[in-house]
Amino acid sequence: MANLIDKILELSGQNLYACYQCGKCSGDCPSVTQMEILPNQVIRLLQIGLPEVALQYNTIWICASCYTCTVRCPRGIDPSKIMEALRQVNLRRNIDYTKIKEIKEEEIYILPQIALVANFRKQTA
C-alpha cells in the first residue's frame, strides 16, 4: 500500500500531505456533480493510506483537468495531477473499463468522435 502511495506521489509530483481539506478544489470544480466523491475526499483517502479505495471511484475519470482546483488551492497543490496519477496507476494495471463491443452502433454515430477517442485513451488499457 505504501508503495502505491509512493508511486502516486512520484507520478503526480505533488505533496498530498500538504492538503488540509479546505474543500476549495471541490467547491469550484465544474465536474463535481458527476463525481461519486469529491476531489478533496480522494486526496483524503490517499492521505489516510487507502489508495485502493480511491481508485474505485469514478472521480478520477470524471476530472477534466481544467485546473480550476489548482488555481483555487491555498496550499499550491495540483489535484488534477493527482487525478492523472491515479488514472495512470489504473491504466498500468491493464484493465479495460470501456467495452468497445458493448457500445451500440447508433451511439457510435451520434457521439462526437473526439469524445470516443478521449474516452478510449482514458479508460482502455
N, C-alpha and C. Protein backbone atom coordinates (compact mmCIF):
# COMPACT_ATOMS: atom_id res chain seq x y z
N MET A 1 0.82 -1.19 0.00
CA MET A 1 0.00 0.00 0.00
C MET A 1 0.87 1.26 0.00
N ALA A 2 1.90 1.26 0.84
CA ALA A 2 2.80 2.41 0.86
C ALA A 2 3.47 2.60 -0.49
N ASN A 3 3.78 1.49 -1.17
CA ASN A 3 4.40 1.59 -2.49
C ASN A 3 3.48 2.26 -3.48
N LEU A 4 2.18 2.00 -3.37
CA LEU A 4 1.21 2.62 -4.27
C LEU A 4 1.11 4.12 -3.99
N ILE A 5 1.10 4.51 -2.75
CA ILE A 5 1.10 5.94 -2.40
C ILE A 5 2.37 6.60 -2.93
N ASP A 6 3.50 5.94 -2.74
CA ASP A 6 4.77 6.48 -3.25
C ASP A 6 4.73 6.66 -4.76
N LYS A 7 4.13 5.70 -5.46
CA LYS A 7 4.03 5.77 -6.92
C LYS A 7 3.14 6.95 -7.33
N ILE A 8 2.04 7.16 -6.62
CA ILE A 8 1.15 8.29 -6.92
C ILE A 8 1.87 9.61 -6.66
N LEU A 9 2.62 9.68 -5.56
CA LEU A 9 3.40 10.89 -5.27
C LEU A 9 4.44 11.14 -6.35
N GLU A 10 5.10 10.07 -6.78
CA GLU A 10 6.12 10.20 -7.83
C GLU A 10 5.52 10.65 -9.15
N LEU A 11 4.43 10.03 -9.56
CA LEU A 11 3.80 10.37 -10.84
C LEU A 11 3.22 11.78 -10.84
N SER A 12 2.63 12.18 -9.73
CA SER A 12 1.97 13.50 -9.68
C SER A 12 2.94 14.63 -9.38
N GLY A 13 4.00 14.33 -8.63
CA GLY A 13 4.92 15.38 -8.22
C GLY A 13 4.31 16.31 -7.17
N GLN A 14 3.24 15.86 -6.52
CA GLN A 14 2.52 16.68 -5.55
C GLN A 14 2.71 16.16 -4.13
N ASN A 15 2.65 17.06 -3.18
CA ASN A 15 2.69 16.69 -1.78
C ASN A 15 1.25 16.68 -1.27
N LEU A 16 0.60 15.54 -1.36
CA LEU A 16 -0.81 15.47 -0.95
C LEU A 16 -0.98 15.64 0.54
N TYR A 17 0.09 15.50 1.31
CA TYR A 17 0.01 15.69 2.76
C TYR A 17 -0.07 17.17 3.14
N ALA A 18 0.17 18.05 2.18
CA ALA A 18 0.04 19.48 2.44
C ALA A 18 -1.43 19.93 2.44
N CYS A 19 -2.30 19.09 1.92
CA CYS A 19 -3.72 19.41 1.85
C CYS A 19 -4.34 19.38 3.25
N TYR A 20 -5.02 20.47 3.63
CA TYR A 20 -5.68 20.50 4.93
C TYR A 20 -7.20 20.46 4.79
N GLN A 21 -7.67 19.97 3.66
CA GLN A 21 -9.08 19.69 3.44
C GLN A 21 -9.99 20.92 3.56
N CYS A 22 -9.59 22.01 2.94
CA CYS A 22 -10.43 23.21 2.96
C CYS A 22 -11.64 23.05 2.03
N GLY A 23 -11.51 22.21 1.00
CA GLY A 23 -12.63 21.94 0.11
C GLY A 23 -12.77 22.90 -1.06
N LYS A 24 -11.84 23.84 -1.22
CA LYS A 24 -11.96 24.80 -2.32
C LYS A 24 -11.86 24.11 -3.68
N CYS A 25 -11.07 23.05 -3.75
CA CYS A 25 -10.95 22.32 -5.02
C CYS A 25 -12.29 21.71 -5.42
N SER A 26 -13.02 21.21 -4.45
CA SER A 26 -14.31 20.58 -4.71
C SER A 26 -15.41 21.62 -4.92
N GLY A 27 -15.34 22.71 -4.20
CA GLY A 27 -16.37 23.73 -4.28
C GLY A 27 -16.43 24.42 -5.63
N ASP A 28 -15.30 24.51 -6.31
CA ASP A 28 -15.25 25.21 -7.59
C ASP A 28 -15.17 24.28 -8.79
N CYS A 29 -15.11 22.99 -8.57
CA CYS A 29 -14.96 22.02 -9.66
C CYS A 29 -16.21 22.00 -10.55
N PRO A 30 -16.06 22.24 -11.86
CA PRO A 30 -17.23 22.22 -12.73
C PRO A 30 -17.79 20.82 -12.99
N SER A 31 -17.04 19.79 -12.66
CA SER A 31 -17.48 18.41 -12.93
C SER A 31 -17.97 17.69 -11.68
N VAL A 32 -18.00 18.38 -10.56
CA VAL A 32 -18.27 17.73 -9.29
C VAL A 32 -19.65 17.07 -9.23
N THR A 33 -20.62 17.57 -9.97
CA THR A 33 -21.96 16.98 -9.92
C THR A 33 -22.00 15.57 -10.51
N GLN A 34 -21.01 15.23 -11.31
CA GLN A 34 -20.94 13.91 -11.93
C GLN A 34 -20.08 12.93 -11.14
N MET A 35 -19.38 13.43 -10.13
CA MET A 35 -18.43 12.60 -9.37
C MET A 35 -19.11 11.87 -8.22
N GLU A 36 -18.64 10.66 -7.96
CA GLU A 36 -19.16 9.88 -6.84
C GLU A 36 -18.68 10.43 -5.49
N ILE A 37 -17.43 10.85 -5.44
CA ILE A 37 -16.90 11.53 -4.25
C ILE A 37 -16.16 12.77 -4.72
N LEU A 38 -15.97 13.70 -3.82
CA LEU A 38 -15.35 14.98 -4.15
C LEU A 38 -13.83 14.83 -4.30
N PRO A 39 -13.20 15.72 -5.07
CA PRO A 39 -11.75 15.67 -5.23
C PRO A 39 -10.99 15.71 -3.90
N ASN A 40 -11.43 16.55 -2.96
CA ASN A 40 -10.73 16.59 -1.68
C ASN A 40 -10.89 15.28 -0.91
N GLN A 41 -11.98 14.57 -1.14
CA GLN A 41 -12.17 13.27 -0.50
C GLN A 41 -11.23 12.23 -1.08
N VAL A 42 -10.94 12.32 -2.38
CA VAL A 42 -9.96 11.43 -2.99
C VAL A 42 -8.60 11.66 -2.34
N ILE A 43 -8.24 12.92 -2.20
CA ILE A 43 -6.96 13.25 -1.57
C ILE A 43 -6.93 12.74 -0.13
N ARG A 44 -8.04 12.87 0.57
CA ARG A 44 -8.09 12.39 1.96
C ARG A 44 -7.90 10.87 2.03
N LEU A 45 -8.52 10.14 1.11
CA LEU A 45 -8.33 8.70 1.08
C LEU A 45 -6.86 8.33 0.90
N LEU A 46 -6.17 9.10 0.07
CA LEU A 46 -4.74 8.86 -0.12
C LEU A 46 -3.96 9.21 1.14
N GLN A 47 -4.33 10.31 1.78
CA GLN A 47 -3.64 10.73 3.00
C GLN A 47 -3.73 9.68 4.10
N ILE A 48 -4.86 9.02 4.20
CA ILE A 48 -5.03 8.03 5.27
C ILE A 48 -4.64 6.62 4.83
N GLY A 49 -4.02 6.52 3.65
CA GLY A 49 -3.47 5.24 3.23
C GLY A 49 -4.46 4.29 2.58
N LEU A 50 -5.48 4.82 1.91
CA LEU A 50 -6.47 3.97 1.24
C LEU A 50 -6.51 4.23 -0.27
N PRO A 51 -5.39 4.06 -0.96
CA PRO A 51 -5.38 4.33 -2.40
C PRO A 51 -6.28 3.40 -3.21
N GLU A 52 -6.39 2.15 -2.77
CA GLU A 52 -7.24 1.19 -3.49
C GLU A 52 -8.70 1.63 -3.47
N VAL A 53 -9.12 2.24 -2.38
CA VAL A 53 -10.50 2.74 -2.30
C VAL A 53 -10.66 3.92 -3.25
N ALA A 54 -9.69 4.82 -3.26
CA ALA A 54 -9.75 5.99 -4.14
C ALA A 54 -9.82 5.58 -5.61
N LEU A 55 -9.14 4.51 -5.96
CA LEU A 55 -9.11 4.04 -7.35
C LEU A 55 -10.45 3.46 -7.81
N GLN A 56 -11.33 3.14 -6.89
CA GLN A 56 -12.61 2.53 -7.24
C GLN A 56 -13.65 3.55 -7.69
N TYR A 57 -13.48 4.81 -7.36
CA TYR A 57 -14.49 5.82 -7.66
C TYR A 57 -14.30 6.41 -9.05
N ASN A 58 -15.41 6.88 -9.63
CA ASN A 58 -15.36 7.46 -10.98
C ASN A 58 -14.73 8.86 -10.99
N THR A 59 -14.50 9.44 -9.84
CA THR A 59 -13.98 10.80 -9.75
C THR A 59 -12.69 10.97 -10.55
N ILE A 60 -11.82 9.99 -10.49
CA ILE A 60 -10.55 10.12 -11.20
C ILE A 60 -10.75 10.16 -12.72
N TRP A 61 -11.81 9.56 -13.20
CA TRP A 61 -12.09 9.55 -14.64
C TRP A 61 -12.91 10.76 -15.07
N ILE A 62 -13.69 11.31 -14.18
CA ILE A 62 -14.55 12.46 -14.49
C ILE A 62 -13.74 13.76 -14.51
N CYS A 63 -12.68 13.82 -13.72
CA CYS A 63 -11.84 15.02 -13.66
C CYS A 63 -11.42 15.42 -15.07
N ALA A 64 -11.72 16.67 -15.43
CA ALA A 64 -11.43 17.17 -16.78
C ALA A 64 -10.05 17.83 -16.87
N SER A 65 -9.32 17.86 -15.77
CA SER A 65 -8.01 18.51 -15.73
C SER A 65 -8.09 19.95 -16.23
N CYS A 66 -9.11 20.66 -15.76
CA CYS A 66 -9.30 22.05 -16.16
C CYS A 66 -8.47 23.01 -15.30
N TYR A 67 -7.91 22.50 -14.21
CA TYR A 67 -7.02 23.24 -13.31
C TYR A 67 -7.72 24.30 -12.46
N THR A 68 -9.04 24.28 -12.42
CA THR A 68 -9.75 25.20 -11.54
C THR A 68 -9.35 24.93 -10.10
N CYS A 69 -9.23 23.66 -9.76
CA CYS A 69 -8.85 23.27 -8.40
C CYS A 69 -7.45 23.78 -8.05
N THR A 70 -6.58 23.73 -9.00
CA THR A 70 -5.20 24.15 -8.80
C THR A 70 -5.13 25.65 -8.52
N VAL A 71 -5.89 26.41 -9.28
CA VAL A 71 -5.91 27.86 -9.11
C VAL A 71 -6.47 28.25 -7.75
N ARG A 72 -7.46 27.49 -7.27
CA ARG A 72 -8.12 27.80 -6.02
C ARG A 72 -7.39 27.31 -4.77
N CYS A 73 -6.49 26.36 -4.93
CA CYS A 73 -5.85 25.74 -3.77
C CYS A 73 -4.92 26.71 -3.04
N PRO A 74 -5.21 27.00 -1.76
CA PRO A 74 -4.36 27.91 -1.00
C PRO A 74 -3.00 27.31 -0.64
N ARG A 75 -2.84 26.00 -0.80
CA ARG A 75 -1.59 25.32 -0.46
C ARG A 75 -0.73 25.04 -1.69
N GLY A 76 -1.22 25.43 -2.89
CA GLY A 76 -0.44 25.23 -4.11
C GLY A 76 -0.41 23.79 -4.60
N ILE A 77 -1.37 23.01 -4.18
CA ILE A 77 -1.46 21.61 -4.62
C ILE A 77 -2.20 21.58 -5.96
N ASP A 78 -1.81 20.66 -6.83
CA ASP A 78 -2.48 20.48 -8.11
C ASP A 78 -3.25 19.16 -8.08
N PRO A 79 -4.52 19.18 -7.64
CA PRO A 79 -5.30 17.95 -7.57
C PRO A 79 -5.46 17.26 -8.92
N SER A 80 -5.47 18.02 -10.01
CA SER A 80 -5.63 17.39 -11.32
C SER A 80 -4.44 16.49 -11.65
N LYS A 81 -3.27 16.84 -11.18
CA LYS A 81 -2.10 15.97 -11.37
C LYS A 81 -2.22 14.70 -10.53
N ILE A 82 -2.82 14.81 -9.37
CA ILE A 82 -3.06 13.63 -8.53
C ILE A 82 -4.07 12.71 -9.22
N MET A 83 -5.12 13.30 -9.80
CA MET A 83 -6.12 12.50 -10.52
C MET A 83 -5.48 11.80 -11.72
N GLU A 84 -4.62 12.51 -12.41
CA GLU A 84 -3.94 11.91 -13.56
C GLU A 84 -3.04 10.76 -13.11
N ALA A 85 -2.36 10.94 -12.00
CA ALA A 85 -1.51 9.87 -11.47
C ALA A 85 -2.34 8.64 -11.12
N LEU A 86 -3.51 8.86 -10.53
CA LEU A 86 -4.40 7.75 -10.21
C LEU A 86 -4.89 7.05 -11.48
N ARG A 87 -5.20 7.83 -12.50
CA ARG A 87 -5.60 7.22 -13.79
C ARG A 87 -4.47 6.38 -14.35
N GLN A 88 -3.25 6.90 -14.28
CA GLN A 88 -2.10 6.16 -14.80
C GLN A 88 -1.89 4.85 -14.05
N VAL A 89 -2.04 4.89 -12.74
CA VAL A 89 -1.92 3.66 -11.94
C VAL A 89 -2.95 2.64 -12.40
N ASN A 90 -4.19 3.09 -12.59
CA ASN A 90 -5.24 2.18 -13.05
C ASN A 90 -4.95 1.64 -14.44
N LEU A 91 -4.52 2.50 -15.34
CA LEU A 91 -4.25 2.07 -16.72
C LEU A 91 -3.08 1.09 -16.79
N ARG A 92 -2.11 1.27 -15.93
CA ARG A 92 -0.96 0.37 -15.92
C ARG A 92 -1.32 -1.02 -15.43
N ARG A 93 -2.48 -1.14 -14.83
CA ARG A 93 -2.96 -2.46 -14.41
C ARG A 93 -3.56 -3.24 -15.57
N ASN A 94 -3.71 -2.58 -16.70
CA ASN A 94 -4.19 -3.22 -17.93
C ASN A 94 -5.62 -3.72 -17.82
N ILE A 95 -6.49 -2.95 -17.20
CA ILE A 95 -7.90 -3.32 -17.10
C ILE A 95 -8.69 -2.39 -18.01
N ASP A 96 -9.46 -2.96 -18.92
CA ASP A 96 -10.30 -2.15 -19.80
C ASP A 96 -11.60 -1.82 -19.10
N TYR A 97 -11.89 -0.53 -18.96
CA TYR A 97 -13.12 -0.09 -18.33
C TYR A 97 -14.20 0.19 -19.37
N THR A 98 -13.80 0.32 -20.61
CA THR A 98 -14.75 0.53 -21.69
C THR A 98 -14.76 -0.72 -22.56
N LYS A 99 -15.91 -1.29 -22.69
CA LYS A 99 -16.08 -2.47 -23.55
C LYS A 99 -16.55 -1.98 -24.91
N ILE A 100 -15.61 -1.88 -25.83
CA ILE A 100 -15.89 -1.30 -27.14
C ILE A 100 -17.02 -2.04 -27.84
N LYS A 101 -17.03 -3.34 -27.77
CA LYS A 101 -18.04 -4.12 -28.47
C LYS A 101 -19.43 -3.97 -27.86
N GLU A 102 -19.52 -3.43 -26.65
CA GLU A 102 -20.81 -3.23 -26.00
C GLU A 102 -21.44 -1.88 -26.33
N ILE A 103 -20.72 -1.02 -27.03
CA ILE A 103 -21.28 0.28 -27.42
C ILE A 103 -22.22 0.04 -28.60
N LYS A 104 -23.43 0.53 -28.48
CA LYS A 104 -24.42 0.34 -29.54
C LYS A 104 -24.00 1.12 -30.77
N GLU A 105 -24.27 0.53 -31.93
CA GLU A 105 -23.85 1.13 -33.20
C GLU A 105 -24.45 2.52 -33.38
N GLU A 106 -25.73 2.69 -33.00
CA GLU A 106 -26.36 4.01 -33.15
C GLU A 106 -25.71 5.05 -32.25
N GLU A 107 -25.19 4.63 -31.09
CA GLU A 107 -24.50 5.57 -30.21
C GLU A 107 -23.17 6.01 -30.81
N ILE A 108 -22.50 5.11 -31.47
CA ILE A 108 -21.22 5.45 -32.09
C ILE A 108 -21.40 6.55 -33.12
N TYR A 109 -22.52 6.52 -33.87
CA TYR A 109 -22.75 7.51 -34.91
C TYR A 109 -23.17 8.88 -34.37
N ILE A 110 -23.76 8.92 -33.18
CA ILE A 110 -24.20 10.22 -32.67
C ILE A 110 -23.19 10.87 -31.71
N LEU A 111 -22.28 10.06 -31.16
CA LEU A 111 -21.28 10.62 -30.26
C LEU A 111 -20.19 11.33 -31.04
N PRO A 112 -19.72 12.47 -30.54
CA PRO A 112 -18.59 13.14 -31.20
C PRO A 112 -17.35 12.22 -31.18
N GLN A 113 -16.69 12.13 -32.29
CA GLN A 113 -15.53 11.24 -32.39
C GLN A 113 -14.45 11.59 -31.38
N ILE A 114 -14.27 12.87 -31.12
CA ILE A 114 -13.24 13.27 -30.16
C ILE A 114 -13.58 12.74 -28.76
N ALA A 115 -14.87 12.67 -28.43
CA ALA A 115 -15.28 12.13 -27.13
C ALA A 115 -14.96 10.64 -27.04
N LEU A 116 -15.19 9.92 -28.12
CA LEU A 116 -14.86 8.49 -28.14
C LEU A 116 -13.37 8.26 -27.99
N VAL A 117 -12.58 9.01 -28.73
CA VAL A 117 -11.12 8.86 -28.67
C VAL A 117 -10.61 9.20 -27.28
N ALA A 118 -11.10 10.30 -26.71
CA ALA A 118 -10.67 10.70 -25.36
C ALA A 118 -11.04 9.62 -24.34
N ASN A 119 -12.24 9.06 -24.46
CA ASN A 119 -12.68 8.02 -23.56
C ASN A 119 -11.81 6.78 -23.68
N PHE A 120 -11.50 6.39 -24.90
CA PHE A 120 -10.66 5.20 -25.11
C PHE A 120 -9.26 5.41 -24.53
N ARG A 121 -8.74 6.61 -24.68
CA ARG A 121 -7.42 6.90 -24.13
C ARG A 121 -7.41 6.83 -22.62
N LYS A 122 -8.49 7.28 -22.01
CA LYS A 122 -8.56 7.31 -20.56
C LYS A 122 -8.88 5.96 -19.96
N GLN A 123 -9.74 5.18 -20.62
CA GLN A 123 -10.29 4.01 -19.95
C GLN A 123 -10.01 2.68 -20.60
N THR A 124 -9.16 2.65 -21.60
CA THR A 124 -8.85 1.38 -22.26
C THR A 124 -7.36 1.10 -22.13
N ALA A 125 -7.04 -0.07 -21.67
CA ALA A 125 -5.64 -0.43 -21.47
C ALA A 125 -4.96 -0.76 -22.78
